[in-house]
């Protein structure tokens, strides 16, 4: 039997075992044992000179960052409305009150007295009044300047009092009567004109504050008044 010879060659990372053994060795049971020992030797060499396994990658590292959430809230702030400057109305001059005829129509003792006008001319005033009786015929007496207690008159805007220089009732004139009164018969439904004249009034007279007629019917005396009369002319 040839003796068993073992040779080991090392080149780089490769190791090769050459095993020389007797041919007859393969025939006995020791062959299996030797083969097993050889395999274990190769396994040891493989483990010793094997390349290291690649390092497994580490699992990713989870980094948690804090998030700041900002919520913007828009608040509607009312904008104050500027107060407009007060409007100042221009001061207008107070218009002069123009006299108007108050009590234009006066009904008294069954007569209707309708004022027409008063006209100023050369410091003389002529006033016109229409009269009629709607129900029946009547007799009217006017007293232009009979006595102190029974006298027609006019007051101007200055408070001056004037007595009629004459009074006409239809075509009847007070100057033709010594008692300075005038009497006229009025027919039902017929309008008759009355004219009263005033002379030498003040140059500052601009209106008549009161025109007052003294009248009588069937022995009953009464007054007819017109106020705040504008003077035409």
C-alpha atoms as a PDB file:
ATOM      1  CA  UNK A   1       0.000   0.000   0.000  1.00  0.00           C
ATOM      2  CA  UNK A   2       1.282   3.309  -0.977  1.00  0.00           C
ATOM      3  CA  UNK A   3       1.463   5.768   1.808  1.00  0.00           C
ATOM      4  CA  UNK A   4      -1.004   8.607   1.671  1.00  0.00           C
ATOM      5  CA  UNK A   5       0.508  11.861   0.673  1.00  0.00           C
ATOM      6  CA  UNK A   6      -1.140  15.192   1.068  1.00  0.00           C
ATOM      7  CA  UNK A   7      -0.112  18.414  -0.711  1.00  0.00           C
ATOM      8  CA  UNK A   8      -1.481  21.914  -0.091  1.00  0.00           C
ATOM      9  CA  UNK A   9      -1.082  24.702  -2.581  1.00  0.00           C
ATOM     10  CA  UNK A  10      -2.231  28.270  -1.707  1.00  0.00           C
ATOM     11  CA  UNK A  11      -2.635  30.765  -4.487  1.00  0.00           C
ATOM     12  CA  UNK A  12      -4.569  33.995  -3.634  1.00  0.00           C
ATOM     13  CA  UNK A  13      -7.856  32.975  -2.178  1.00  0.00           C
ATOM     14  CA  UNK A  14      -7.930  29.523  -3.736  1.00  0.00           C
ATOM     15  CA  UNK A  15      -6.761  26.472  -1.863  1.00  0.00           C
ATOM     16  CA  UNK A  16      -6.518  23.162  -3.589  1.00  0.00           C
ATOM     17  CA  UNK A  17      -5.967  19.883  -1.883  1.00  0.00           C
ATOM     18  CA  UNK A  18      -4.335  17.127  -3.759  1.00  0.00           C
ATOM     19  CA  UNK A  19      -4.768  13.934  -2.092  1.00  0.00           C
ATOM     20  CA  UNK A  20      -2.719  11.024  -3.084  1.00  0.00           C
ATOM     21  CA  UNK A  21      -3.713   7.773  -1.739  1.00  0.00           C
ATOM     22  CA  UNK A  22      -3.473   4.223  -2.595  1.00  0.00           C
ATOM     23  CA  UNK A  23      -5.948   2.945  -5.066  1.00  0.00           C
ATOM     24  CA  UNK A  24      -6.843   0.340  -2.706  1.00  0.00           C
ATOM     25  CA  UNK A  25      -7.882   2.914  -0.238  1.00  0.00           C
ATOM     26  CA  UNK A  26     -10.958   3.576  -2.254  1.00  0.00           C
ATOM     27  CA  UNK A  27     -11.957   0.103  -1.680  1.00  0.00           C
ATOM     28  CA  UNK A  28     -12.190   0.123   2.009  1.00  0.00           C
ATOM     29  CA  UNK A  29     -14.418   1.910   4.308  1.00  0.00           C
ATOM     30  CA  UNK A  30     -11.780   4.341   5.284  1.00  0.00           C
ATOM     31  CA  UNK A  31     -12.323   6.065   2.006  1.00  0.00           C
ATOM     32  CA  UNK A  32     -15.643   7.409   3.105  1.00  0.00           C
ATOM     33  CA  UNK A  33     -14.110   8.622   6.302  1.00  0.00           C
ATOM     34  CA  UNK A  34     -11.293  10.287   4.462  1.00  0.00           C
ATOM     35  CA  UNK A  35     -13.687  11.803   2.009  1.00  0.00           C
ATOM     36  CA  UNK A  36     -15.780  13.197   4.832  1.00  0.00           C
ATOM     37  CA  UNK A  37     -12.686  14.615   6.463  1.00  0.00           C
ATOM     38  CA  UNK A  38     -11.674  16.204   3.192  1.00  0.00           C
ATOM     39  CA  UNK A  39     -15.082  17.788   2.757  1.00  0.00           C
ATOM     40  CA  UNK A  40     -14.943  19.196   6.234  1.00  0.00           C
ATOM     41  CA  UNK A  41     -11.539  20.601   5.480  1.00  0.00           C
ATOM     42  CA  UNK A  42     -12.823  22.316   2.382  1.00  0.00           C
ATOM     43  CA  UNK A  43     -15.751  23.697   4.337  1.00  0.00           C
ATOM     44  CA  UNK A  44     -13.378  25.106   6.937  1.00  0.00           C
ATOM     45  CA  UNK A  45     -11.313  26.755   4.213  1.00  0.00           C
ATOM     46  CA  UNK A  46     -14.415  28.161   2.593  1.00  0.00           C
ATOM     47  CA  UNK A  47     -15.545  29.637   5.881  1.00  0.00           C
ATOM     48  CA  UNK A  48     -12.112  31.055   6.636  1.00  0.00           C
ATOM     49  CA  UNK A  49     -11.411  32.640   3.328  1.00  0.00           C
ATOM     50  CA  UNK A  50     -14.952  33.394   2.187  1.00  0.00           C
ATOM     51  CA  UNK A  51     -15.727  37.009   1.308  1.00  0.00           C
ATOM     52  CA  UNK A  52     -17.727  38.761   4.007  1.00  0.00           C
ATOM     53  CA  UNK A  53     -21.365  39.154   3.296  1.00  0.00           C
ATOM     54  CA  UNK A  54     -22.399  42.586   2.182  1.00  0.00           C
ATOM     55  CA  UNK A  55     -23.792  44.614   5.003  1.00  0.00           C
ATOM     56  CA  UNK A  56     -27.503  44.834   4.910  1.00  0.00           C
ATOM     57  CA  UNK A  57     -28.754  48.416   4.608  1.00  0.00           C
ATOM     58  CA  UNK A  58     -30.108  49.804   7.760  1.00  0.00           C
ATOM     59  CA  UNK A  59     -33.793  50.575   7.786  1.00  0.00           C
ATOM     60  CA  UNK A  60     -34.547  54.238   7.053  1.00  0.00           C
ATOM     61  CA  UNK A  61     -34.567  56.451  10.076  1.00  0.00           C
ATOM     62  CA  UNK A  62     -37.834  58.199  10.561  1.00  0.00           C
ATOM     63  CA  UNK A  63     -37.342  61.828  11.488  1.00  0.00           C
ATOM     64  CA  UNK A  64     -40.461  63.563  12.740  1.00  0.00           C
ATOM     65  CA  UNK A  65     -40.415  67.312  12.490  1.00  0.00           C
ATOM     66  CA  UNK A  66     -42.921  69.466  14.256  1.00  0.00           C
ATOM     67  CA  UNK A  67     -45.270  71.363  12.024  1.00  0.00           C
ATOM     68  CA  UNK A  68     -46.600  74.679  13.089  1.00  0.00           C
ATOM     69  CA  UNK A  69     -50.046  75.303  11.684  1.00  0.00           C
ATOM     70  CA  UNK A  70     -50.939  78.976  11.463  1.00  0.00           C
ATOM     71  CA  UNK A  71     -54.605  79.804  11.018  1.00  0.00           C
ATOM     72  CA  UNK A  72     -55.256  83.293   9.740  1.00  0.00           C
ATOM     73  CA  UNK A  73     -58.586  84.702  10.756  1.00  0.00           C
ATOM     74  CA  UNK A  74     -59.773  87.758   8.934  1.00  0.00           C
ATOM     75  CA  UNK A  75     -61.855  89.982  11.132  1.00  0.00           C
ATOM     76  CA  UNK A  76     -64.013  92.544   9.404  1.00  0.00           C
ATOM     77  CA  UNK A  77     -63.474  95.843  11.131  1.00  0.00           C
ATOM     78  CA  UNK A  78     -66.217  98.346  10.343  1.00  0.00           C
ATOM     79  CA  UNK A  79     -64.876 101.461   8.718  1.00  0.00           C
ATOM     80  CA  UNK A  80     -66.455 104.513  10.303  1.00  0.00           C
ATOM     81  CA  UNK A  81     -68.420 106.597   7.853  1.00  0.00           C
ATOM     82  CA  UNK A  82     -67.350 110.192   8.060  1.00  0.00           C
ATOM     83  CA  UNK A  83     -70.084 112.451   9.289  1.00  0.00           C
ATOM     84  CA  UNK A  84     -70.908 114.991   6.603  1.00  0.00           C
ATOM     85  CA  UNK A  85     -70.494 118.548   7.582  1.00  0.00           C
ATOM     86  CA  UNK A  86     -73.819 120.138   8.432  1.00  0.00           C
ATOM     87  CA  UNK A  87     -75.171 122.165   5.619  1.00  0.00           C
ATOM     88  CA  UNK A  88     -75.770 125.709   6.595  1.00  0.00           C
ATOM     89  CA  UNK A  89     -78.696 127.178   4.777  1.00  0.00           C
ATOM     90  CA  UNK A  90     -78.099 130.675   3.596  1.00  0.00           C
ATOM     91  CA  UNK A  91     -79.891 133.242   5.645  1.00  0.00           C
ATOM     92  CA  UNK A  92     -82.441 134.791   3.389  1.00  0.00           C
ATOM     93  CA  UNK A  93     -83.894 138.157   4.165  1.00  0.00           C
ATOM     94  CA  UNK A  94     -87.350 137.948   5.640  1.00  0.00           C
ATOM     95  CA  UNK A  95     -89.768 138.985   2.944  1.00  0.00           C
ATOM     96  CA  UNK A  96     -92.009 141.820   3.829  1.00  0.00           C
ATOM     97  CA  UNK A  97     -95.502 140.670   4.525  1.00  0.00           C
ATOM     98  CA  UNK A  98     -97.765 141.983   1.883  1.00  0.00           C
ATOM     99  CA  UNK A  99    -101.097 143.000   3.351  1.00  0.00           C
ATOM    100  CA  UNK A 100    -103.980 140.823   2.272  1.00  0.00           C
ATOM    101  CA  UNK A 101    -107.659 141.403   2.568  1.00  0.00           C
ATOM    102  CA  UNK A 102    -109.052 139.422   5.475  1.00  0.00           C
ATOM    103  CA  UNK A 103    -112.791 138.922   5.722  1.00  0.00           C
ATOM    104  CA  UNK A 104    -113.201 139.724   2.029  1.00  0.00           C
ATOM    105  CA  UNK A 105    -116.814 138.675   2.230  1.00  0.00           C
ATOM    106  CA  UNK A 106    -118.898 139.815   5.197  1.00  0.00           C
ATOM    107  CA  UNK A 107    -122.501 138.667   5.694  1.00  0.00           C
ATOM    108  CA  UNK A 108    -124.452 140.698   8.248  1.00  0.00           C
ATOM    109  CA  UNK A 109    -128.141 141.501   8.849  1.00  0.00           C
ATOM    110  CA  UNK A 110    -129.284 139.926   5.596  1.00  0.00           C
ATOM    111  CA  UNK A 111    -126.639 141.765   3.469  1.00  0.00           C
ATOM    112  CA  UNK A 112    -123.595 140.476   1.645  1.00  0.00           C
ATOM    113  CA  UNK A 113    -120.677 142.945   1.587  1.00  0.00           C
ATOM    114  CA  UNK A 114    -117.927 141.994  -0.851  1.00  0.00           C
ATOM    115  CA  UNK A 115    -114.710 144.024  -0.637  1.00  0.00           C
ATOM    116  CA  UNK A 116    -113.147 144.965  -3.994  1.00  0.00           C
ATOM    117  CA  UNK A 117    -110.190 147.349  -3.591  1.00  0.00           C
ATOM    118  CA  UNK A 118    -108.634 150.439  -2.047  1.00  0.00           C
ATOM    119  CA  UNK A 119    -106.586 152.698  -4.354  1.00  0.00           C
ATOM    120  CA  UNK A 120    -104.149 155.398  -3.231  1.00  0.00           C
ATOM    121  CA  UNK A 121    -103.651 158.421  -5.508  1.00  0.00           C
ATOM    122  CA  UNK A 122    -102.168 161.822  -4.572  1.00  0.00           C
ATOM    123  CA  UNK A 123    -102.730 161.182  -0.863  1.00  0.00           C
ATOM    124  CA  UNK A 124    -106.375 160.321  -1.525  1.00  0.00           C
ATOM    125  CA  UNK A 125    -107.858 156.848  -1.069  1.00  0.00           C
ATOM    126  CA  UNK A 126    -110.883 155.406  -2.830  1.00  0.00           C
ATOM    127  CA  UNK A 127    -112.327 152.123  -1.487  1.00  0.00           C
ATOM    128  CA  UNK A 128    -114.889 150.018  -3.366  1.00  0.00           C
ATOM    129  CA  UNK A 129    -117.312 147.510  -1.815  1.00  0.00           C
ATOM    130  CA  UNK A 130    -120.162 145.616  -3.491  1.00  0.00           C
ATOM    131  CA  UNK A 131    -123.388 144.956  -1.543  1.00  0.00           C
ATOM    132  CA  UNK A 132    -126.572 143.007  -2.271  1.00  0.00           C
ATOM    133  CA  UNK A 133    -129.524 141.503  -0.463  1.00  0.00           C
ATOM    134  CA  UNK A 134    -130.193 137.905  -1.497  1.00  0.00           C
ATOM    135  CA  UNK A 135    -133.560 137.346   0.188  1.00  0.00           C
ATOM    136  CA  UNK A 136    -135.742 140.423  -0.241  1.00  0.00           C
ATOM    137  CA  UNK A 137    -135.729 144.155  -0.846  1.00  0.00           C
ATOM    138  CA  UNK A 138    -134.102 146.144   1.932  1.00  0.00           C
ATOM    139  CA  UNK A 139    -133.229 149.753   2.787  1.00  0.00           C
ATOM    140  CA  UNK A 140    -129.621 150.371   3.829  1.00  0.00           C
ATOM    141  CA  UNK A 141    -128.281 153.486   5.559  1.00  0.00           C
ATOM    142  CA  UNK A 142    -124.551 154.289   5.740  1.00  0.00           C
ATOM    143  CA  UNK A 143    -123.010 156.841   8.085  1.00  0.00           C
ATOM    144  CA  UNK A 144    -119.795 158.252   6.685  1.00  0.00           C
ATOM    145  CA  UNK A 145    -119.357 160.911   9.382  1.00  0.00           C
ATOM    146  CA  UNK A 146    -122.560 161.396  11.327  1.00  0.00           C
ATOM    147  CA  UNK A 147    -121.239 161.968  14.847  1.00  0.00           C
ATOM    148  CA  UNK A 148    -118.455 160.796  17.105  1.00  0.00           C
ATOM    149  CA  UNK A 149    -120.223 157.553  18.024  1.00  0.00           C
ATOM    150  CA  UNK A 150    -121.641 156.754  14.618  1.00  0.00           C
ATOM    151  CA  UNK A 151    -118.969 157.249  12.011  1.00  0.00           C
ATOM    152  CA  UNK A 152    -117.350 155.147   9.307  1.00  0.00           C
ATOM    153  CA  UNK A 153    -113.550 155.404   9.291  1.00  0.00           C
ATOM    154  CA  UNK A 154    -110.231 153.923   8.137  1.00  0.00           C
ATOM    155  CA  UNK A 155    -106.998 153.226  10.088  1.00  0.00           C
ATOM    156  CA  UNK A 156    -103.751 153.121   8.150  1.00  0.00           C
ATOM    157  CA  UNK A 157    -100.594 151.070   8.903  1.00  0.00           C
ATOM    158  CA  UNK A 158     -99.304 153.900  11.123  1.00  0.00           C
ATOM    159  CA  UNK A 159    -102.440 153.963  13.301  1.00  0.00           C
ATOM    160  CA  UNK A 160    -103.786 157.173  11.792  1.00  0.00           C
ATOM    161  CA  UNK A 161    -107.596 157.409  11.647  1.00  0.00           C
ATOM    162  CA  UNK A 162    -109.396 159.014   8.717  1.00  0.00           C
ATOM    163  CA  UNK A 163    -113.056 159.847   8.208  1.00  0.00           C
ATOM    164  CA  UNK A 164    -114.715 159.606   4.802  1.00  0.00           C
ATOM    165  CA  UNK A 165    -114.964 162.867   2.898  1.00  0.00           C
ATOM    166  CA  UNK A 166    -117.945 161.336   1.026  1.00  0.00           C
ATOM    167  CA  UNK A 167    -119.731 158.021   0.539  1.00  0.00           C
ATOM    168  CA  UNK A 168    -121.753 156.820  -2.449  1.00  0.00           C
ATOM    169  CA  UNK A 169    -124.387 154.075  -2.345  1.00  0.00           C
ATOM    170  CA  UNK A 170    -125.358 153.449  -5.919  1.00  0.00           C
ATOM    171  CA  UNK A 171    -125.974 156.955  -7.265  1.00  0.00           C
ATOM    172  CA  UNK A 172    -126.744 158.420  -3.843  1.00  0.00           C
ATOM    173  CA  UNK A 173    -124.045 160.759  -2.469  1.00  0.00           C
ATOM    174  CA  UNK A 174    -123.647 161.590   1.218  1.00  0.00           C
ATOM    175  CA  UNK A 175    -122.618 165.139   0.339  1.00  0.00           C
ATOM    176  CA  UNK A 176    -126.141 165.905  -0.775  1.00  0.00           C
ATOM    177  CA  UNK A 177    -127.452 165.204   2.716  1.00  0.00           C
ATOM    178  CA  UNK A 178    -126.877 167.677   5.498  1.00  0.00           C
ATOM    179  CA  UNK A 179    -126.744 164.856   8.024  1.00  0.00           C
ATOM    180  CA  UNK A 180    -123.863 163.394   6.021  1.00  0.00           C
ATOM    181  CA  UNK A 181    -125.574 159.988   5.811  1.00  0.00           C
ATOM    182  CA  UNK A 182    -126.635 158.159   2.656  1.00  0.00           C
ATOM    183  CA  UNK A 183    -129.688 155.932   2.218  1.00  0.00           C
ATOM    184  CA  UNK A 184    -130.399 153.523  -0.616  1.00  0.00           C
ATOM    185  CA  UNK A 185    -132.979 150.889  -1.436  1.00  0.00           C
ATOM    186  CA  UNK A 186    -131.529 147.543  -2.483  1.00  0.00           C
ATOM    187  CA  UNK A 187    -133.479 145.195  -4.717  1.00  0.00           C
ATOM    188  CA  UNK A 188    -133.286 141.480  -4.033  1.00  0.00           C
ATOM    189  CA  UNK A 189    -130.461 139.829  -5.980  1.00  0.00           C
ATOM    190  CA  UNK A 190    -129.163 143.133  -7.434  1.00  0.00           C
ATOM    191  CA  UNK A 191    -125.584 144.143  -6.578  1.00  0.00           C
ATOM    192  CA  UNK A 192    -124.996 147.791  -5.709  1.00  0.00           C
ATOM    193  CA  UNK A 193    -121.647 149.530  -5.508  1.00  0.00           C
ATOM    194  CA  UNK A 194    -120.437 151.437  -2.449  1.00  0.00           C
ATOM    195  CA  UNK A 195    -117.608 154.010  -2.781  1.00  0.00           C
ATOM    196  CA  UNK A 196    -115.842 155.545   0.211  1.00  0.00           C
ATOM    197  CA  UNK A 197    -113.386 158.442  -0.210  1.00  0.00           C
ATOM    198  CA  UNK A 198    -110.629 159.550   2.181  1.00  0.00           C
ATOM    199  CA  UNK A 199    -108.608 162.714   1.639  1.00  0.00           C
ATOM    200  CA  UNK A 200    -105.248 164.052   2.848  1.00  0.00           C
ATOM    201  CA  UNK A 201    -103.849 160.771   4.142  1.00  0.00           C
ATOM    202  CA  UNK A 202    -100.253 160.581   5.349  1.00  0.00           C
ATOM    203  CA  UNK A 203     -97.516 160.328   2.738  1.00  0.00           C
ATOM    204  CA  UNK A 204     -96.141 157.336   4.712  1.00  0.00           C
ATOM    205  CA  UNK A 205     -99.393 155.399   4.498  1.00  0.00           C
ATOM    206  CA  UNK A 206     -98.820 152.076   2.688  1.00  0.00           C
ATOM    207  CA  UNK A 207    -101.848 149.981   3.714  1.00  0.00           C
ATOM    208  CA  UNK A 208    -105.159 150.071   5.518  1.00  0.00           C
ATOM    209  CA  UNK A 209    -105.223 148.193   8.809  1.00  0.00           C
ATOM    210  CA  UNK A 210    -109.003 148.515   9.233  1.00  0.00           C
ATOM    211  CA  UNK A 211    -111.831 149.770   7.068  1.00  0.00           C
ATOM    212  CA  UNK A 212    -115.022 150.087   9.119  1.00  0.00           C
ATOM    213  CA  UNK A 213    -118.467 150.973   7.794  1.00  0.00           C
ATOM    214  CA  UNK A 214    -121.238 152.101  10.119  1.00  0.00           C
ATOM    215  CA  UNK A 215    -124.609 150.918   8.770  1.00  0.00           C
ATOM    216  CA  UNK A 216    -128.268 150.693   9.756  1.00  0.00           C
ATOM    217  CA  UNK A 217    -131.238 148.611   8.583  1.00  0.00           C
ATOM    218  CA  UNK A 218    -134.754 148.929   9.950  1.00  0.00           C
ATOM    219  CA  UNK A 219    -133.404 150.936  12.918  1.00  0.00           C
ATOM    220  CA  UNK A 220    -130.839 148.283  13.707  1.00  0.00           C
ATOM    221  CA  UNK A 221    -127.255 149.510  13.617  1.00  0.00           C
ATOM    222  CA  UNK A 222    -124.273 147.255  12.792  1.00  0.00           C
ATOM    223  CA  UNK A 223    -120.653 147.440  11.641  1.00  0.00           C
ATOM    224  CA  UNK A 224    -118.967 145.991   8.571  1.00  0.00           C
ATOM    225  CA  UNK A 225    -115.186 145.543   8.926  1.00  0.00           C
ATOM    226  CA  UNK A 226    -112.372 144.668   6.480  1.00  0.00           C
ATOM    227  CA  UNK A 227    -108.805 144.280   7.785  1.00  0.00           C
ATOM    228  CA  UNK A 228    -105.250 144.377   6.438  1.00  0.00           C
ATOM    229  CA  UNK A 229    -105.975 145.915   3.073  1.00  0.00           C
ATOM    230  CA  UNK A 230    -103.239 146.484   0.496  1.00  0.00           C
ATOM    231  CA  UNK A 231    -103.318 149.809  -1.307  1.00  0.00           C
ATOM    232  CA  UNK A 232    -103.255 149.701  -5.087  1.00  0.00           C
ATOM    233  CA  UNK A 233    -102.492 152.535  -7.436  1.00  0.00           C
END
